[in-house]
Amino acid sequence: MTAWSNNGSERALRIEKCMLNGSKFRKTRNGRAVLDVLRTINATCTAAKIDIGVYLKYVFKNPELLQSAPEKLTPFAVALELQKTEPVVF
């Protein structure tokens, strides 16, 4: 019989706790808004299975898409685009 554990939940909460501890600007209203945006980007990147650093680099390297087609810069869209352009290693 497999024992139940909450290791997965603890790992998910650890990311939130580290971000909260590292975000000292959260004490103001604007700081909390910035933290909410960062948490949302982090959660969406996790769901899209894309590293947040890779995602942010892609977004910052493609500023023209922000104005012309922002829907192409969601973490899911970027993950799909990178899957198309990166060679598959066997």
N, C-alpha and C. Protein backbone atom coordinates (compact mmCIF):
# COMPACT_ATOMS: atom_id res chain seq x y z
N MET A 1 0.83 -1.18 0.00
CA MET A 1 0.00 0.00 0.00
C MET A 1 0.88 1.25 0.00
N THR A 2 0.53 2.22 -0.80
CA THR A 2 1.29 3.46 -0.89
C THR A 2 0.81 4.44 0.18
N ALA A 3 1.77 5.02 0.87
CA ALA A 3 1.42 6.01 1.90
C ALA A 3 1.12 7.35 1.23
N TRP A 4 0.10 8.01 1.72
CA TRP A 4 -0.26 9.33 1.21
C TRP A 4 0.69 10.36 1.80
N SER A 5 1.05 11.33 1.02
CA SER A 5 1.90 12.41 1.53
C SER A 5 1.45 13.73 0.91
N ASN A 6 1.92 14.79 1.48
CA ASN A 6 1.60 16.11 0.95
C ASN A 6 2.85 16.76 0.36
N ASN A 7 3.82 15.96 -0.09
CA ASN A 7 5.06 16.50 -0.63
C ASN A 7 4.82 17.41 -1.84
N GLY A 8 3.92 17.01 -2.72
CA GLY A 8 3.63 17.84 -3.89
C GLY A 8 3.07 19.19 -3.50
N SER A 9 2.15 19.19 -2.55
CA SER A 9 1.57 20.45 -2.07
C SER A 9 2.62 21.32 -1.41
N GLU A 10 3.49 20.71 -0.62
CA GLU A 10 4.53 21.48 0.05
C GLU A 10 5.50 22.09 -0.95
N ARG A 11 5.83 21.35 -2.02
CA ARG A 11 6.73 21.90 -3.05
C ARG A 11 6.07 23.09 -3.75
N ALA A 12 4.77 22.99 -4.03
CA ALA A 12 4.07 24.09 -4.68
C ALA A 12 4.01 25.32 -3.78
N LEU A 13 3.76 25.12 -2.51
CA LEU A 13 3.70 26.24 -1.57
C LEU A 13 5.07 26.85 -1.30
N ARG A 14 6.12 26.05 -1.42
CA ARG A 14 7.47 26.55 -1.19
C ARG A 14 7.80 27.65 -2.19
N ILE A 15 7.43 27.47 -3.44
CA ILE A 15 7.69 28.49 -4.46
C ILE A 15 7.00 29.79 -4.07
N GLU A 16 5.74 29.69 -3.66
CA GLU A 16 4.99 30.88 -3.24
C GLU A 16 5.65 31.54 -2.04
N LYS A 17 6.06 30.75 -1.07
CA LYS A 17 6.67 31.29 0.14
C LYS A 17 8.00 31.97 -0.17
N CYS A 18 8.81 31.37 -1.02
CA CYS A 18 10.09 31.98 -1.40
C CYS A 18 9.86 33.30 -2.13
N MET A 19 8.87 33.33 -3.02
CA MET A 19 8.57 34.56 -3.75
C MET A 19 8.07 35.63 -2.78
N LEU A 20 7.22 35.23 -1.85
CA LEU A 20 6.68 36.18 -0.87
C LEU A 20 7.79 36.75 0.00
N ASN A 21 8.69 35.88 0.47
CA ASN A 21 9.79 36.35 1.31
C ASN A 21 10.76 37.24 0.54
N GLY A 22 10.96 36.94 -0.73
CA GLY A 22 11.88 37.72 -1.54
C GLY A 22 11.30 39.01 -2.07
N SER A 23 10.01 39.19 -1.92
CA SER A 23 9.33 40.36 -2.47
C SER A 23 9.02 41.35 -1.36
N LYS A 24 10.02 42.07 -0.95
CA LYS A 24 9.84 43.02 0.15
C LYS A 24 9.00 44.23 -0.26
N PHE A 25 8.83 44.42 -1.56
CA PHE A 25 8.02 45.54 -2.04
C PHE A 25 6.53 45.28 -1.89
N ARG A 26 6.14 44.14 -1.38
CA ARG A 26 4.73 43.77 -1.28
C ARG A 26 3.98 44.57 -0.21
N LYS A 27 4.69 45.40 0.55
CA LYS A 27 4.07 46.12 1.66
C LYS A 27 3.22 47.31 1.21
N THR A 28 3.38 47.72 -0.04
CA THR A 28 2.56 48.81 -0.57
C THR A 28 1.50 48.23 -1.51
N ARG A 29 0.51 49.03 -1.82
CA ARG A 29 -0.56 48.58 -2.72
C ARG A 29 0.00 48.25 -4.11
N ASN A 30 0.86 49.12 -4.64
CA ASN A 30 1.47 48.86 -5.94
C ASN A 30 2.39 47.64 -5.90
N GLY A 31 3.10 47.49 -4.80
CA GLY A 31 3.97 46.33 -4.65
C GLY A 31 3.19 45.03 -4.65
N ARG A 32 2.05 45.02 -4.00
CA ARG A 32 1.20 43.81 -3.99
C ARG A 32 0.66 43.52 -5.38
N ALA A 33 0.36 44.58 -6.14
CA ALA A 33 -0.12 44.38 -7.51
C ALA A 33 0.97 43.76 -8.38
N VAL A 34 2.21 44.23 -8.21
CA VAL A 34 3.34 43.66 -8.95
C VAL A 34 3.54 42.20 -8.56
N LEU A 35 3.47 41.92 -7.27
CA LEU A 35 3.62 40.54 -6.80
C LEU A 35 2.53 39.64 -7.39
N ASP A 36 1.30 40.13 -7.46
CA ASP A 36 0.22 39.35 -8.06
C ASP A 36 0.49 39.03 -9.52
N VAL A 37 1.02 40.01 -10.25
CA VAL A 37 1.36 39.77 -11.66
C VAL A 37 2.45 38.72 -11.78
N LEU A 38 3.48 38.84 -10.96
CA LEU A 38 4.58 37.86 -11.00
C LEU A 38 4.09 36.46 -10.63
N ARG A 39 3.23 36.36 -9.64
CA ARG A 39 2.69 35.06 -9.24
C ARG A 39 1.85 34.46 -10.36
N THR A 40 1.09 35.30 -11.05
CA THR A 40 0.26 34.82 -12.14
C THR A 40 1.12 34.31 -13.29
N ILE A 41 2.17 35.07 -13.64
CA ILE A 41 3.08 34.62 -14.70
C ILE A 41 3.74 33.31 -14.30
N ASN A 42 4.18 33.22 -13.07
CA ASN A 42 4.82 31.99 -12.58
C ASN A 42 3.88 30.80 -12.66
N ALA A 43 2.65 30.97 -12.20
CA ALA A 43 1.68 29.87 -12.22
C ALA A 43 1.33 29.46 -13.64
N THR A 44 1.19 30.43 -14.54
CA THR A 44 0.83 30.12 -15.92
C THR A 44 1.99 29.43 -16.63
N CYS A 45 3.22 29.86 -16.36
CA CYS A 45 4.38 29.19 -16.94
C CYS A 45 4.49 27.75 -16.43
N THR A 46 4.21 27.56 -15.17
CA THR A 46 4.24 26.21 -14.61
C THR A 46 3.20 25.33 -15.30
N ALA A 47 2.00 25.85 -15.49
CA ALA A 47 0.95 25.08 -16.15
C ALA A 47 1.30 24.79 -17.61
N ALA A 48 2.00 25.73 -18.27
CA ALA A 48 2.37 25.54 -19.67
C ALA A 48 3.65 24.72 -19.81
N LYS A 49 4.25 24.36 -18.69
CA LYS A 49 5.48 23.58 -18.66
C LYS A 49 6.62 24.29 -19.41
N ILE A 50 6.75 25.59 -19.14
CA ILE A 50 7.84 26.38 -19.71
C ILE A 50 8.54 27.09 -18.57
N ASP A 51 9.86 27.11 -18.63
CA ASP A 51 10.64 27.79 -17.61
C ASP A 51 10.35 29.29 -17.67
N ILE A 52 10.15 29.90 -16.52
CA ILE A 52 9.78 31.31 -16.49
C ILE A 52 10.88 32.19 -17.07
N GLY A 53 12.14 31.81 -16.88
CA GLY A 53 13.24 32.57 -17.45
C GLY A 53 13.25 32.52 -18.97
N VAL A 54 13.01 31.35 -19.52
CA VAL A 54 12.93 31.18 -20.97
C VAL A 54 11.77 32.00 -21.52
N TYR A 55 10.64 31.96 -20.82
CA TYR A 55 9.45 32.71 -21.26
C TYR A 55 9.73 34.21 -21.27
N LEU A 56 10.28 34.73 -20.17
CA LEU A 56 10.53 36.18 -20.08
C LEU A 56 11.55 36.64 -21.11
N LYS A 57 12.60 35.84 -21.35
CA LYS A 57 13.57 36.19 -22.39
C LYS A 57 12.90 36.28 -23.76
N TYR A 58 12.02 35.33 -24.05
CA TYR A 58 11.32 35.33 -25.34
C TYR A 58 10.46 36.59 -25.46
N VAL A 59 9.75 36.93 -24.41
CA VAL A 59 8.88 38.11 -24.43
C VAL A 59 9.70 39.38 -24.62
N PHE A 60 10.80 39.51 -23.89
CA PHE A 60 11.61 40.73 -23.99
C PHE A 60 12.34 40.84 -25.32
N LYS A 61 12.59 39.71 -25.98
CA LYS A 61 13.24 39.74 -27.29
C LYS A 61 12.26 40.00 -28.43
N ASN A 62 10.97 39.98 -28.15
CA ASN A 62 9.94 40.18 -29.17
C ASN A 62 8.97 41.30 -28.77
N PRO A 63 9.48 42.51 -28.54
CA PRO A 63 8.60 43.59 -28.08
C PRO A 63 7.56 44.02 -29.12
N GLU A 64 7.85 43.80 -30.41
CA GLU A 64 6.89 44.19 -31.44
C GLU A 64 5.58 43.40 -31.34
N LEU A 65 5.66 42.18 -30.81
CA LEU A 65 4.44 41.38 -30.65
C LEU A 65 3.53 41.91 -29.54
N LEU A 66 4.10 42.64 -28.59
CA LEU A 66 3.27 43.21 -27.53
C LEU A 66 2.20 44.12 -28.09
N GLN A 67 2.55 44.88 -29.11
CA GLN A 67 1.59 45.80 -29.72
C GLN A 67 0.75 45.12 -30.78
N SER A 68 1.37 44.31 -31.62
CA SER A 68 0.66 43.77 -32.77
C SER A 68 -0.15 42.52 -32.46
N ALA A 69 0.37 41.63 -31.63
CA ALA A 69 -0.33 40.36 -31.37
C ALA A 69 0.01 39.84 -29.97
N PRO A 70 -0.50 40.48 -28.92
CA PRO A 70 -0.15 40.05 -27.56
C PRO A 70 -0.61 38.62 -27.23
N GLU A 71 -1.61 38.12 -27.94
CA GLU A 71 -2.07 36.75 -27.69
C GLU A 71 -1.00 35.72 -28.03
N LYS A 72 -0.01 36.11 -28.83
CA LYS A 72 1.09 35.20 -29.17
C LYS A 72 2.16 35.17 -28.09
N LEU A 73 1.99 35.94 -27.03
CA LEU A 73 2.97 35.99 -25.96
C LEU A 73 2.48 35.38 -24.66
N THR A 74 1.41 34.62 -24.70
CA THR A 74 1.01 33.90 -23.49
C THR A 74 2.00 32.76 -23.27
N PRO A 75 2.19 32.31 -22.05
CA PRO A 75 3.11 31.19 -21.83
C PRO A 75 2.77 29.96 -22.68
N PHE A 76 1.49 29.66 -22.86
CA PHE A 76 1.12 28.51 -23.68
C PHE A 76 1.51 28.71 -25.13
N ALA A 77 1.27 29.90 -25.67
CA ALA A 77 1.62 30.19 -27.06
C ALA A 77 3.13 30.15 -27.26
N VAL A 78 3.88 30.69 -26.32
CA VAL A 78 5.34 30.68 -26.42
C VAL A 78 5.87 29.26 -26.33
N ALA A 79 5.32 28.46 -25.42
CA ALA A 79 5.75 27.06 -25.30
C ALA A 79 5.52 26.31 -26.61
N LEU A 80 4.37 26.52 -27.23
CA LEU A 80 4.09 25.87 -28.52
C LEU A 80 5.05 26.35 -29.59
N GLU A 81 5.33 27.64 -29.63
CA GLU A 81 6.24 28.20 -30.62
C GLU A 81 7.65 27.64 -30.45
N LEU A 82 8.10 27.55 -29.22
CA LEU A 82 9.44 27.02 -28.96
C LEU A 82 9.53 25.54 -29.29
N GLN A 83 8.44 24.80 -29.11
CA GLN A 83 8.44 23.38 -29.48
C GLN A 83 8.62 23.22 -30.99
N LYS A 84 8.06 24.15 -31.76
CA LYS A 84 8.18 24.09 -33.22
C LYS A 84 9.59 24.39 -33.69
N THR A 85 10.26 25.34 -33.00
CA THR A 85 11.56 25.81 -33.49
C THR A 85 12.74 25.04 -32.93
N GLU A 86 12.57 24.39 -31.79
CA GLU A 86 13.69 23.65 -31.20
C GLU A 86 13.75 22.25 -31.79
N PRO A 87 14.94 21.79 -32.12
CA PRO A 87 15.06 20.42 -32.66
C PRO A 87 14.77 19.38 -31.57
N VAL A 88 14.18 18.32 -32.00
CA VAL A 88 13.86 17.21 -31.08
C VAL A 88 15.09 16.33 -30.97
N VAL A 89 15.52 16.04 -29.74
CA VAL A 89 16.70 15.21 -29.50
C VAL A 89 16.23 13.81 -29.14
N PHE A 90 16.78 12.83 -29.84
CA PHE A 90 16.43 11.42 -29.53
C PHE A 90 17.53 10.75 -28.79
